[in-house]
Amino acid sequence: QNYHDYHDPFMGPVDMAGFDKRVYDALKPGGLFVV
């Protein structure tokens, strides 16, 4: 219930392309991102 928050002005808003790439880089190969 907070993925949407990252798009909002109070969070930056965050560059979601860069953010999701950071999630990707944090994960092991085969790892999961659950939203």
All heavy atoms as atom14 arrays in JSON, in Angstrom:
{
  "sequence": "QNYHDYHDPFMGPVDMAGFDKRVYDALKPGGLFVV",
  "atom14_mask": [
    [1, 1, 1, 1, 1, 1, 1, 1, 1, 0, 0, 0, 0, 0],
    [1, 1, 1, 1, 1, 1, 1, 1, 0, 0, 0, 0, 0, 0],
    [1, 1, 1, 1, 1, 1, 1, 1, 1, 1, 1, 1, 0, 0],
    [1, 1, 1, 1, 1, 1, 1, 1, 1, 1, 0, 0, 0, 0],
    [1, 1, 1, 1, 1, 1, 1, 1, 0, 0, 0, 0, 0, 0],
    [1, 1, 1, 1, 1, 1, 1, 1, 1, 1, 1, 1, 0, 0],
    [1, 1, 1, 1, 1, 1, 1, 1, 1, 1, 0, 0, 0, 0],
    [1, 1, 1, 1, 1, 1, 1, 1, 0, 0, 0, 0, 0, 0],
    [1, 1, 1, 1, 1, 1, 1, 0, 0, 0, 0, 0, 0, 0],
    [1, 1, 1, 1, 1, 1, 1, 1, 1, 1, 1, 0, 0, 0],
    [1, 1, 1, 1, 1, 1, 1, 1, 0, 0, 0, 0, 0, 0],
    [1, 1, 1, 1, 0, 0, 0, 0, 0, 0, 0, 0, 0, 0],
    [1, 1, 1, 1, 1, 1, 1, 0, 0, 0, 0, 0, 0, 0],
    [1, 1, 1, 1, 1, 1, 1, 0, 0, 0, 0, 0, 0, 0],
    [1, 1, 1, 1, 1, 1, 1, 1, 0, 0, 0, 0, 0, 0],
    [1, 1, 1, 1, 1, 1, 1, 1, 0, 0, 0, 0, 0, 0],
    [1, 1, 1, 1, 1, 0, 0, 0, 0, 0, 0, 0, 0, 0],
    [1, 1, 1, 1, 0, 0, 0, 0, 0, 0, 0, 0, 0, 0],
    [1, 1, 1, 1, 1, 1, 1, 1, 1, 1, 1, 0, 0, 0],
    [1, 1, 1, 1, 1, 1, 1, 1, 0, 0, 0, 0, 0, 0],
    [1, 1, 1, 1, 1, 1, 1, 1, 1, 0, 0, 0, 0, 0],
    [1, 1, 1, 1, 1, 1, 1, 1, 1, 1, 1, 0, 0, 0],
    [1, 1, 1, 1, 1, 1, 1, 0, 0, 0, 0, 0, 0, 0],
    [1, 1, 1, 1, 1, 1, 1, 1, 1, 1, 1, 1, 0, 0],
    [1, 1, 1, 1, 1, 1, 1, 1, 0, 0, 0, 0, 0, 0],
    [1, 1, 1, 1, 1, 0, 0, 0, 0, 0, 0, 0, 0, 0],
    [1, 1, 1, 1, 1, 1, 1, 1, 0, 0, 0, 0, 0, 0],
    [1, 1, 1, 1, 1, 1, 1, 1, 1, 0, 0, 0, 0, 0],
    [1, 1, 1, 1, 1, 1, 1, 0, 0, 0, 0, 0, 0, 0],
    [1, 1, 1, 1, 0, 0, 0, 0, 0, 0, 0, 0, 0, 0],
    [1, 1, 1, 1, 0, 0, 0, 0, 0, 0, 0, 0, 0, 0],
    [1, 1, 1, 1, 1, 1, 1, 1, 0, 0, 0, 0, 0, 0],
    [1, 1, 1, 1, 1, 1, 1, 1, 1, 1, 1, 0, 0, 0],
    [1, 1, 1, 1, 1, 1, 1, 0, 0, 0, 0, 0, 0, 0],
    [1, 1, 1, 1, 1, 1, 1, 0, 0, 0, 0, 0, 0, 0]
  ],
  "atom14_positions": [
    [[0.8, -1.23, 0.0], [0.0, 0.0, 0.0], [0.83, 1.28, 0.0], [0.35, 2.33, 0.42], [-0.96, 0.01, 1.2], [-1.91, -1.18, 1.22], [-2.81, -1.19, 2.44], [-2.56, -0.49, 3.42], [-3.86, -1.98, 2.4], [0.0, 0.0, 0.0], [0.0, 0.0, 0.0], [0.0, 0.0, 0.0], [0.0, 0.0, 0.0], [0.0, 0.0, 0.0]],
    [[2.07, 1.2, -0.48], [2.84, 2.44, -0.54], [3.66, 2.62, -1.8], [4.41, 3.6, -1.91], [3.73, 2.6, 0.71], [4.57, 1.37, 0.99], [5.23, 0.85, 0.09], [4.53, 0.89, 2.23], [0.0, 0.0, 0.0], [0.0, 0.0, 0.0], [0.0, 0.0, 0.0], [0.0, 0.0, 0.0], [0.0, 0.0, 0.0], [0.0, 0.0, 0.0]],
    [[3.53, 1.73, -2.78], [4.23, 1.98, -4.05], [3.74, 3.29, -4.65], [4.53, 4.07, -5.19], [3.99, 0.83, -5.02], [4.76, 0.93, -6.31], [6.02, 0.35, -6.44], [4.24, 1.6, -7.42], [6.74, 0.44, -7.63], [4.94, 1.7, -8.6], [6.19, 1.12, -8.71], [6.9, 1.22, -9.9], [0.0, 0.0, 0.0], [0.0, 0.0, 0.0]],
    [[2.44, 3.56, -4.52], [1.89, 4.8, -5.09], [2.5, 6.04, -4.45], [2.62, 7.08, -5.1], [0.36, 4.83, -4.94], [-0.11, 5.05, -3.54], [-0.33, 4.02, -2.65], [-0.41, 6.2, -2.86], [-0.74, 4.51, -1.5], [-0.79, 5.82, -1.58], [0.0, 0.0, 0.0], [0.0, 0.0, 0.0], [0.0, 0.0, 0.0], [0.0, 0.0, 0.0]],
    [[2.89, 5.94, -3.16], [3.44, 7.1, -2.46], [4.72, 7.62, -3.11], [4.99, 8.83, -3.08], [3.75, 6.75, -1.0], [2.51, 6.63, -0.14], [1.56, 7.41, -0.34], [2.47, 5.74, 0.73], [0.0, 0.0, 0.0], [0.0, 0.0, 0.0], [0.0, 0.0, 0.0], [0.0, 0.0, 0.0], [0.0, 0.0, 0.0], [0.0, 0.0, 0.0]],
    [[5.5, 6.72, -3.68], [6.78, 7.13, -4.27], [6.58, 8.07, -5.47], [7.51, 8.77, -5.87], [7.59, 5.9, -4.68], [8.24, 5.21, -3.51], [7.55, 4.28, -2.73], [9.56, 5.48, -3.16], [8.15, 3.66, -1.65], [10.17, 4.86, -2.08], [9.46, 3.96, -1.33], [10.05, 3.33, -0.25], [0.0, 0.0, 0.0], [0.0, 0.0, 0.0]],
    [[5.37, 8.12, -6.01], [5.09, 9.01, -7.14], [4.67, 10.41, -6.7], [4.58, 11.32, -7.53], [3.94, 8.43, -7.99], [4.28, 7.16, -8.7], [4.25, 5.94, -8.08], [4.67, 6.93, -9.98], [4.59, 5.0, -8.94], [4.85, 5.57, -10.09], [0.0, 0.0, 0.0], [0.0, 0.0, 0.0], [0.0, 0.0, 0.0], [0.0, 0.0, 0.0]],
    [[4.41, 10.58, -5.41], [3.81, 11.82, -4.94], [4.84, 12.9, -4.63], [6.0, 12.6, -4.31], [2.94, 11.55, -3.7], [1.71, 10.73, -4.06], [1.34, 10.69, -5.24], [1.13, 10.11, -3.15], [0.0, 0.0, 0.0], [0.0, 0.0, 0.0], [0.0, 0.0, 0.0], [0.0, 0.0, 0.0], [0.0, 0.0, 0.0], [0.0, 0.0, 0.0]],
    [[4.42, 14.18, -4.69], [5.35, 15.29, -4.49], [6.13, 15.22, -3.18], [7.32, 15.56, -3.14], [4.43, 16.51, -4.53], [3.29, 16.09, -5.41], [3.08, 14.65, -5.09], [0.0, 0.0, 0.0], [0.0, 0.0, 0.0], [0.0, 0.0, 0.0], [0.0, 0.0, 0.0], [0.0, 0.0, 0.0], [0.0, 0.0, 0.0], [0.0, 0.0, 0.0]],
    [[5.5, 14.78, -2.09], [6.19, 14.78, -0.8], [7.36, 13.8, -0.77], [8.27, 13.93, 0.05], [5.22, 14.5, 0.34], [4.92, 13.04, 0.58], [5.63, 12.31, 1.52], [3.92, 12.4, -0.15], [5.35, 10.97, 1.74], [3.62, 11.07, 0.08], [4.35, 10.35, 1.02], [0.0, 0.0, 0.0], [0.0, 0.0, 0.0], [0.0, 0.0, 0.0]],
    [[7.38, 12.84, -1.68], [8.49, 11.89, -1.75], [9.54, 12.32, -2.77], [10.53, 11.63, -2.98], [7.97, 10.51, -2.12], [7.14, 9.85, -1.04], [8.12, 9.18, 0.32], [8.22, 7.46, -0.15], [0.0, 0.0, 0.0], [0.0, 0.0, 0.0], [0.0, 0.0, 0.0], [0.0, 0.0, 0.0], [0.0, 0.0, 0.0], [0.0, 0.0, 0.0]],
    [[9.35, 13.45, -3.4], [10.34, 13.93, -4.36], [9.76, 14.73, -5.51], [10.08, 15.87, -5.68], [0.0, 0.0, 0.0], [0.0, 0.0, 0.0], [0.0, 0.0, 0.0], [0.0, 0.0, 0.0], [0.0, 0.0, 0.0], [0.0, 0.0, 0.0], [0.0, 0.0, 0.0], [0.0, 0.0, 0.0], [0.0, 0.0, 0.0], [0.0, 0.0, 0.0]],
    [[8.89, 14.12, -6.33], [8.59, 12.69, -6.4], [9.81, 11.91, -6.88], [10.75, 12.47, -7.44], [7.45, 12.61, -7.43], [7.69, 13.79, -8.33], [8.24, 14.87, -7.45], [0.0, 0.0, 0.0], [0.0, 0.0, 0.0], [0.0, 0.0, 0.0], [0.0, 0.0, 0.0], [0.0, 0.0, 0.0], [0.0, 0.0, 0.0], [0.0, 0.0, 0.0]],
    [[9.78, 10.62, -6.67], [10.9, 9.77, -7.01], [10.89, 9.43, -8.5], [9.83, 9.23, -9.09], [10.82, 8.46, -6.18], [11.86, 7.46, -6.62], [10.98, 8.79, -4.7], [0.0, 0.0, 0.0], [0.0, 0.0, 0.0], [0.0, 0.0, 0.0], [0.0, 0.0, 0.0], [0.0, 0.0, 0.0], [0.0, 0.0, 0.0], [0.0, 0.0, 0.0]],
    [[12.07, 9.38, -9.09], [12.22, 8.88, -10.45], [12.02, 7.37, -10.39], [12.91, 6.64, -9.94], [13.6, 9.22, -10.99], [13.91, 8.52, -12.3], [12.96, 8.11, -13.0], [15.11, 8.34, -12.6], [0.0, 0.0, 0.0], [0.0, 0.0, 0.0], [0.0, 0.0, 0.0], [0.0, 0.0, 0.0], [0.0, 0.0, 0.0], [0.0, 0.0, 0.0]],
    [[10.85, 6.9, -10.81], [10.52, 5.49, -10.61], [11.34, 4.55, -11.49], [11.56, 3.39, -11.13], [9.03, 5.27, -10.84], [8.15, 5.95, -9.8], [8.61, 5.56, -8.07], [8.19, 3.82, -7.98], [0.0, 0.0, 0.0], [0.0, 0.0, 0.0], [0.0, 0.0, 0.0], [0.0, 0.0, 0.0], [0.0, 0.0, 0.0], [0.0, 0.0, 0.0]],
    [[11.82, 5.04, -12.61], [12.69, 4.2, -13.43], [13.96, 3.87, -12.66], [14.41, 2.71, -12.61], [13.01, 4.89, -14.74], [0.0, 0.0, 0.0], [0.0, 0.0, 0.0], [0.0, 0.0, 0.0], [0.0, 0.0, 0.0], [0.0, 0.0, 0.0], [0.0, 0.0, 0.0], [0.0, 0.0, 0.0], [0.0, 0.0, 0.0], [0.0, 0.0, 0.0]],
    [[14.53, 4.9, -12.01], [15.73, 4.68, -11.22], [15.45, 3.88, -9.97], [16.24, 3.02, -9.57], [0.0, 0.0, 0.0], [0.0, 0.0, 0.0], [0.0, 0.0, 0.0], [0.0, 0.0, 0.0], [0.0, 0.0, 0.0], [0.0, 0.0, 0.0], [0.0, 0.0, 0.0], [0.0, 0.0, 0.0], [0.0, 0.0, 0.0], [0.0, 0.0, 0.0]],
    [[14.29, 4.13, -9.34], [13.93, 3.42, -8.12], [13.76, 1.93, -8.38], [14.31, 1.08, -7.65], [12.65, 4.01, -7.54], [12.15, 3.3, -6.31], [12.68, 3.59, -5.07], [11.17, 2.33, -6.41], [12.24, 2.92, -3.93], [10.72, 1.65, -5.29], [11.25, 1.95, -4.04], [0.0, 0.0, 0.0], [0.0, 0.0, 0.0], [0.0, 0.0, 0.0]],
    [[12.98, 1.58, -9.39], [12.74, 0.17, -9.68], [14.03, -0.54, -10.1], [14.21, -1.73, -9.82], [11.68, 0.02, -10.77], [10.28, 0.35, -10.25], [10.0, 0.04, -9.08], [9.48, 0.91, -11.01], [0.0, 0.0, 0.0], [0.0, 0.0, 0.0], [0.0, 0.0, 0.0], [0.0, 0.0, 0.0], [0.0, 0.0, 0.0], [0.0, 0.0, 0.0]],
    [[14.94, 0.2, -10.73], [16.24, -0.39, -11.07], [17.04, -0.67, -9.79], [17.76, -1.68, -9.69], [17.02, 0.54, -11.98], [18.34, -0.04, -12.49], [18.11, -1.32, -13.29], [19.37, -1.75, -14.04], [20.48, -2.08, -13.12], [0.0, 0.0, 0.0], [0.0, 0.0, 0.0], [0.0, 0.0, 0.0], [0.0, 0.0, 0.0], [0.0, 0.0, 0.0]],
    [[16.91, 0.19, -8.79], [17.59, -0.05, -7.51], [17.0, -1.27, -6.8], [17.73, -2.03, -6.16], [17.48, 1.2, -6.62], [18.42, 2.33, -7.04], [18.25, 3.56, -6.18], [19.26, 4.56, -6.48], [20.47, 4.62, -5.92], [20.8, 3.74, -4.99], [21.33, 5.55, -6.26], [0.0, 0.0, 0.0], [0.0, 0.0, 0.0], [0.0, 0.0, 0.0]],
    [[15.69, -1.45, -6.9], [15.07, -2.66, -6.35], [15.65, -3.88, -7.05], [16.02, -4.87, -6.42], [13.54, -2.61, -6.51], [12.92, -3.95, -6.1], [12.94, -1.48, -5.69], [0.0, 0.0, 0.0], [0.0, 0.0, 0.0], [0.0, 0.0, 0.0], [0.0, 0.0, 0.0], [0.0, 0.0, 0.0], [0.0, 0.0, 0.0], [0.0, 0.0, 0.0]],
    [[15.72, -3.8, -8.36], [16.26, -4.89, -9.18], [17.69, -5.22, -8.75], [18.04, -6.38, -8.56], [16.23, -4.46, -10.64], [16.65, -5.52, -11.64], [15.7, -6.35, -12.24], [17.98, -5.67, -12.0], [16.08, -7.31, -13.17], [18.37, -6.62, -12.92], [17.41, -7.44, -13.5], [17.81, -8.4, -14.41], [0.0, 0.0, 0.0], [0.0, 0.0, 0.0]],
    [[18.51, -4.2, -8.59], [19.92, -4.41, -8.24], [20.08, -4.96, -6.83], [21.06, -5.66, -6.54], [20.69, -3.09, -8.36], [20.84, -2.64, -9.81], [20.67, -3.47, -10.72], [21.11, -1.43, -10.02], [0.0, 0.0, 0.0], [0.0, 0.0, 0.0], [0.0, 0.0, 0.0], [0.0, 0.0, 0.0], [0.0, 0.0, 0.0], [0.0, 0.0, 0.0]],
    [[19.11, -4.67, -5.93], [19.2, -5.15, -4.56], [18.92, -6.64, -4.45], [19.36, -7.3, -3.49], [18.23, -4.38, -3.67], [0.0, 0.0, 0.0], [0.0, 0.0, 0.0], [0.0, 0.0, 0.0], [0.0, 0.0, 0.0], [0.0, 0.0, 0.0], [0.0, 0.0, 0.0], [0.0, 0.0, 0.0], [0.0, 0.0, 0.0], [0.0, 0.0, 0.0]],
    [[18.22, -7.18, -5.42], [17.79, -8.58, -5.36], [18.83, -9.55, -5.9], [19.59, -9.24, -6.82], [16.49, -8.76, -6.16], [15.21, -8.23, -5.51], [14.1, -8.12, -6.55], [14.79, -9.14, -4.36], [0.0, 0.0, 0.0], [0.0, 0.0, 0.0], [0.0, 0.0, 0.0], [0.0, 0.0, 0.0], [0.0, 0.0, 0.0], [0.0, 0.0, 0.0]],
    [[18.81, -10.73, -5.34], [19.6, -11.83, -5.89], [18.98, -12.25, -7.22], [17.79, -12.04, -7.45], [19.57, -13.04, -4.94], [20.13, -12.8, -3.56], [19.93, -14.05, -2.7], [20.43, -13.85, -1.28], [20.18, -15.04, -0.43], [0.0, 0.0, 0.0], [0.0, 0.0, 0.0], [0.0, 0.0, 0.0], [0.0, 0.0, 0.0], [0.0, 0.0, 0.0]],
    [[19.75, -12.87, -8.11], [19.14, -13.45, -9.31], [18.03, -14.42, -8.91], [18.2, -15.24, -8.02], [20.3, -14.18, -9.98], [21.52, -13.42, -9.52], [21.22, -13.02, -8.1], [0.0, 0.0, 0.0], [0.0, 0.0, 0.0], [0.0, 0.0, 0.0], [0.0, 0.0, 0.0], [0.0, 0.0, 0.0], [0.0, 0.0, 0.0], [0.0, 0.0, 0.0]],
    [[16.86, -14.28, -9.52], [15.72, -15.11, -9.16], [14.89, -14.54, -8.03], [13.84, -15.1, -7.69], [0.0, 0.0, 0.0], [0.0, 0.0, 0.0], [0.0, 0.0, 0.0], [0.0, 0.0, 0.0], [0.0, 0.0, 0.0], [0.0, 0.0, 0.0], [0.0, 0.0, 0.0], [0.0, 0.0, 0.0], [0.0, 0.0, 0.0], [0.0, 0.0, 0.0]],
    [[15.34, -13.42, -7.43], [14.62, -12.8, -6.32], [13.3, -12.18, -6.75], [13.06, -11.93, -7.94], [0.0, 0.0, 0.0], [0.0, 0.0, 0.0], [0.0, 0.0, 0.0], [0.0, 0.0, 0.0], [0.0, 0.0, 0.0], [0.0, 0.0, 0.0], [0.0, 0.0, 0.0], [0.0, 0.0, 0.0], [0.0, 0.0, 0.0], [0.0, 0.0, 0.0]],
    [[12.45, -11.9, -5.77], [11.1, -11.41, -6.04], [10.87, -9.99, -5.54], [11.4, -9.59, -4.5], [10.08, -12.33, -5.37], [10.03, -13.79, -5.81], [9.0, -14.55, -5.0], [9.73, -13.89, -7.3], [0.0, 0.0, 0.0], [0.0, 0.0, 0.0], [0.0, 0.0, 0.0], [0.0, 0.0, 0.0], [0.0, 0.0, 0.0], [0.0, 0.0, 0.0]],
    [[10.04, -9.27, -6.27], [9.53, -7.96, -5.87], [8.01, -8.1, -5.82], [7.37, -8.33, -6.86], [9.95, -6.9, -6.88], [9.56, -5.49, -6.54], [9.29, -5.08, -5.25], [9.46, -4.52, -7.55], [8.94, -3.78, -4.94], [9.12, -3.21, -7.27], [8.85, -2.84, -5.96], [0.0, 0.0, 0.0], [0.0, 0.0, 0.0], [0.0, 0.0, 0.0]],
    [[7.42, -8.02, -4.63], [5.98, -8.16, -4.47], [5.38, -6.8, -4.12], [5.82, -6.14, -3.17], [5.64, -9.2, -3.38], [4.15, -9.2, -3.06], [6.09, -10.59, -3.82], [0.0, 0.0, 0.0], [0.0, 0.0, 0.0], [0.0, 0.0, 0.0], [0.0, 0.0, 0.0], [0.0, 0.0, 0.0], [0.0, 0.0, 0.0], [0.0, 0.0, 0.0]],
    [[4.39, -6.39, -4.91], [3.76, -5.09, -4.75], [2.27, -5.26, -4.48], [1.56, -5.9, -5.27], [3.94, -4.22, -6.02], [3.26, -2.86, -5.83], [5.41, -4.05, -6.35], [0.0, 0.0, 0.0], [0.0, 0.0, 0.0], [0.0, 0.0, 0.0], [0.0, 0.0, 0.0], [0.0, 0.0, 0.0], [0.0, 0.0, 0.0], [0.0, 0.0, 0.0]]
  ]
}
